[in-house]
Amino acid sequence: MRRKREVVEGQVYRKLGPSGGFWEVIAIRKDGMGTQHAQLKRSDDPKTLKTLSVSALLDAQQFEIVTES
């Protein structure tokens, strides 16, 4: 059985690739279908927000965790 990592508020992730950047998880929400989504705030521009599926955030080809709470 595969065990998923948990995403919690306060964790910081680094986006891999040319656009890069550090993103902090500020909220976790579920949609009507039960899928979890993480709302992220960019570290160098706090007014920039992004909402992603938690599964996309846990994809090692897109993001890597910087800190754990």
N, C-alpha and C. Protein backbone atom coordinates (compact mmCIF):
# COMPACT_ATOMS: atom_id res chain seq x y z
N MET A 1 0.85 -1.17 0.00
CA MET A 1 0.00 0.00 0.00
C MET A 1 0.90 1.25 0.00
N ARG A 2 0.57 2.19 -0.85
CA ARG A 2 1.34 3.43 -0.94
C ARG A 2 0.78 4.46 0.04
N ARG A 3 1.66 5.10 0.76
CA ARG A 3 1.22 6.09 1.74
C ARG A 3 1.51 7.49 1.21
N LYS A 4 0.49 8.34 1.18
CA LYS A 4 0.66 9.71 0.69
C LYS A 4 1.21 10.61 1.78
N ARG A 5 2.00 11.59 1.34
CA ARG A 5 2.43 12.62 2.29
C ARG A 5 1.25 13.56 2.50
N GLU A 6 1.25 14.17 3.63
CA GLU A 6 0.17 15.10 3.94
C GLU A 6 0.64 16.53 3.70
N VAL A 7 -0.22 17.33 3.13
CA VAL A 7 0.07 18.75 2.92
C VAL A 7 -0.67 19.52 4.00
N VAL A 8 0.06 20.38 4.73
CA VAL A 8 -0.55 21.16 5.80
C VAL A 8 -0.19 22.63 5.62
N GLU A 9 -0.98 23.47 6.24
CA GLU A 9 -0.74 24.92 6.16
C GLU A 9 0.63 25.24 6.75
N GLY A 10 1.31 26.19 6.11
CA GLY A 10 2.62 26.62 6.58
C GLY A 10 3.78 25.97 5.86
N GLN A 11 3.55 24.87 5.14
CA GLN A 11 4.63 24.24 4.38
C GLN A 11 5.04 25.13 3.22
N VAL A 12 6.31 25.06 2.86
CA VAL A 12 6.83 25.84 1.73
C VAL A 12 7.32 24.87 0.67
N TYR A 13 6.91 25.13 -0.57
CA TYR A 13 7.31 24.30 -1.71
C TYR A 13 8.02 25.17 -2.73
N ARG A 14 8.96 24.56 -3.46
CA ARG A 14 9.65 25.24 -4.54
C ARG A 14 9.15 24.67 -5.85
N LYS A 15 8.69 25.56 -6.74
CA LYS A 15 8.22 25.14 -8.06
C LYS A 15 9.44 24.88 -8.92
N LEU A 16 9.49 23.70 -9.53
CA LEU A 16 10.60 23.34 -10.39
C LEU A 16 10.34 23.87 -11.80
N GLY A 17 11.40 24.17 -12.51
CA GLY A 17 11.27 24.67 -13.87
C GLY A 17 11.65 26.13 -13.97
N PRO A 18 11.52 26.68 -15.17
CA PRO A 18 11.97 28.05 -15.41
C PRO A 18 11.19 29.12 -14.64
N SER A 19 9.90 28.90 -14.41
CA SER A 19 9.11 29.91 -13.69
C SER A 19 9.44 29.92 -12.20
N GLY A 20 9.81 28.77 -11.66
CA GLY A 20 10.29 28.62 -10.29
C GLY A 20 9.51 29.38 -9.23
N GLY A 21 10.19 29.69 -8.16
CA GLY A 21 9.59 30.43 -7.06
C GLY A 21 9.27 29.55 -5.87
N PHE A 22 9.13 30.21 -4.73
CA PHE A 22 8.78 29.52 -3.49
C PHE A 22 7.34 29.87 -3.15
N TRP A 23 6.56 28.85 -2.79
CA TRP A 23 5.14 29.00 -2.50
C TRP A 23 4.82 28.42 -1.13
N GLU A 24 4.07 29.18 -0.32
CA GLU A 24 3.67 28.73 1.02
C GLU A 24 2.19 28.35 0.99
N VAL A 25 1.88 27.20 1.60
CA VAL A 25 0.49 26.75 1.70
C VAL A 25 -0.21 27.59 2.77
N ILE A 26 -1.31 28.27 2.37
CA ILE A 26 -2.02 29.09 3.35
C ILE A 26 -3.39 28.52 3.71
N ALA A 27 -3.91 27.58 2.89
CA ALA A 27 -5.20 26.98 3.19
C ALA A 27 -5.35 25.67 2.44
N ILE A 28 -6.08 24.73 3.03
CA ILE A 28 -6.43 23.47 2.39
C ILE A 28 -7.95 23.40 2.36
N ARG A 29 -8.50 23.11 1.18
CA ARG A 29 -9.97 23.03 1.03
C ARG A 29 -10.35 21.80 0.22
N LYS A 30 -11.59 21.35 0.38
CA LYS A 30 -12.13 20.27 -0.43
C LYS A 30 -13.22 20.83 -1.33
N ASP A 31 -13.25 20.33 -2.57
CA ASP A 31 -14.33 20.77 -3.46
C ASP A 31 -15.53 19.84 -3.29
N GLY A 32 -16.57 20.03 -4.08
CA GLY A 32 -17.79 19.24 -3.98
C GLY A 32 -17.61 17.76 -4.22
N MET A 33 -16.56 17.40 -4.97
CA MET A 33 -16.28 16.00 -5.27
C MET A 33 -15.35 15.36 -4.23
N GLY A 34 -14.88 16.14 -3.27
CA GLY A 34 -14.01 15.62 -2.22
C GLY A 34 -12.53 15.74 -2.51
N THR A 35 -12.16 16.33 -3.64
CA THR A 35 -10.75 16.52 -3.99
C THR A 35 -10.18 17.66 -3.17
N GLN A 36 -8.99 17.43 -2.60
CA GLN A 36 -8.35 18.47 -1.81
C GLN A 36 -7.58 19.43 -2.70
N HIS A 37 -7.68 20.72 -2.37
CA HIS A 37 -6.95 21.76 -3.08
C HIS A 37 -6.19 22.59 -2.06
N ALA A 38 -5.00 23.04 -2.46
CA ALA A 38 -4.17 23.88 -1.59
C ALA A 38 -4.12 25.28 -2.18
N GLN A 39 -4.36 26.27 -1.34
CA GLN A 39 -4.20 27.66 -1.77
C GLN A 39 -2.80 28.07 -1.37
N LEU A 40 -2.03 28.61 -2.34
CA LEU A 40 -0.64 28.95 -2.14
C LEU A 40 -0.41 30.45 -2.29
N LYS A 41 0.57 30.95 -1.54
CA LYS A 41 0.96 32.35 -1.61
C LYS A 41 2.44 32.38 -2.00
N ARG A 42 2.78 33.19 -3.00
CA ARG A 42 4.17 33.29 -3.45
C ARG A 42 4.99 34.06 -2.41
N SER A 43 6.15 33.54 -2.06
CA SER A 43 6.98 34.14 -1.00
C SER A 43 7.48 35.53 -1.36
N ASP A 44 7.90 35.75 -2.61
CA ASP A 44 8.46 37.06 -2.97
C ASP A 44 7.40 38.07 -3.37
N ASP A 45 6.15 37.64 -3.54
CA ASP A 45 5.04 38.55 -3.87
C ASP A 45 3.78 38.04 -3.18
N PRO A 46 3.55 38.43 -1.92
CA PRO A 46 2.43 37.90 -1.13
C PRO A 46 1.04 38.13 -1.72
N LYS A 47 0.92 39.04 -2.68
CA LYS A 47 -0.39 39.28 -3.30
C LYS A 47 -0.71 38.25 -4.38
N THR A 48 0.29 37.46 -4.78
CA THR A 48 0.09 36.44 -5.80
C THR A 48 -0.39 35.15 -5.15
N LEU A 49 -1.60 34.73 -5.47
CA LEU A 49 -2.18 33.50 -4.94
C LEU A 49 -2.40 32.50 -6.06
N LYS A 50 -2.34 31.22 -5.72
CA LYS A 50 -2.55 30.14 -6.68
C LYS A 50 -3.27 29.02 -5.95
N THR A 51 -4.22 28.38 -6.60
CA THR A 51 -4.90 27.23 -6.03
C THR A 51 -4.61 26.02 -6.90
N LEU A 52 -4.10 24.96 -6.29
CA LEU A 52 -3.75 23.73 -7.00
C LEU A 52 -4.32 22.53 -6.29
N SER A 53 -4.54 21.47 -7.04
CA SER A 53 -4.90 20.19 -6.45
C SER A 53 -3.71 19.71 -5.62
N VAL A 54 -3.99 19.10 -4.49
CA VAL A 54 -2.92 18.59 -3.63
C VAL A 54 -2.10 17.55 -4.38
N SER A 55 -2.73 16.77 -5.25
CA SER A 55 -1.98 15.77 -6.02
C SER A 55 -0.95 16.43 -6.93
N ALA A 56 -1.25 17.59 -7.50
CA ALA A 56 -0.28 18.32 -8.32
C ALA A 56 0.87 18.83 -7.46
N LEU A 57 0.56 19.26 -6.26
CA LEU A 57 1.57 19.77 -5.35
C LEU A 57 2.53 18.66 -4.90
N LEU A 58 2.02 17.44 -4.80
CA LEU A 58 2.84 16.30 -4.37
C LEU A 58 3.61 15.66 -5.53
N ASP A 59 3.39 16.13 -6.76
CA ASP A 59 4.10 15.60 -7.93
C ASP A 59 5.56 16.06 -7.88
N ALA A 60 6.48 15.12 -7.75
CA ALA A 60 7.90 15.44 -7.60
C ALA A 60 8.50 16.09 -8.85
N GLN A 61 7.83 15.99 -9.98
CA GLN A 61 8.34 16.63 -11.19
C GLN A 61 7.95 18.10 -11.27
N GLN A 62 6.99 18.53 -10.45
CA GLN A 62 6.53 19.91 -10.47
C GLN A 62 6.98 20.72 -9.26
N PHE A 63 6.96 20.10 -8.07
CA PHE A 63 7.26 20.81 -6.83
C PHE A 63 8.15 19.95 -5.94
N GLU A 64 8.97 20.62 -5.10
CA GLU A 64 9.69 19.93 -4.04
C GLU A 64 9.48 20.67 -2.74
N ILE A 65 9.38 19.93 -1.65
CA ILE A 65 9.12 20.54 -0.35
C ILE A 65 10.41 21.17 0.18
N VAL A 66 10.29 22.34 0.76
CA VAL A 66 11.44 23.06 1.32
C VAL A 66 11.45 22.90 2.82
N THR A 67 10.29 23.08 3.47
CA THR A 67 10.19 22.95 4.93
C THR A 67 8.96 22.13 5.27
N GLU A 68 9.00 21.53 6.42
CA GLU A 68 7.85 20.80 6.93
C GLU A 68 7.45 21.38 8.26
N SER A 69 6.14 21.44 8.51
CA SER A 69 5.65 21.97 9.79
C SER A 69 5.70 20.90 10.85
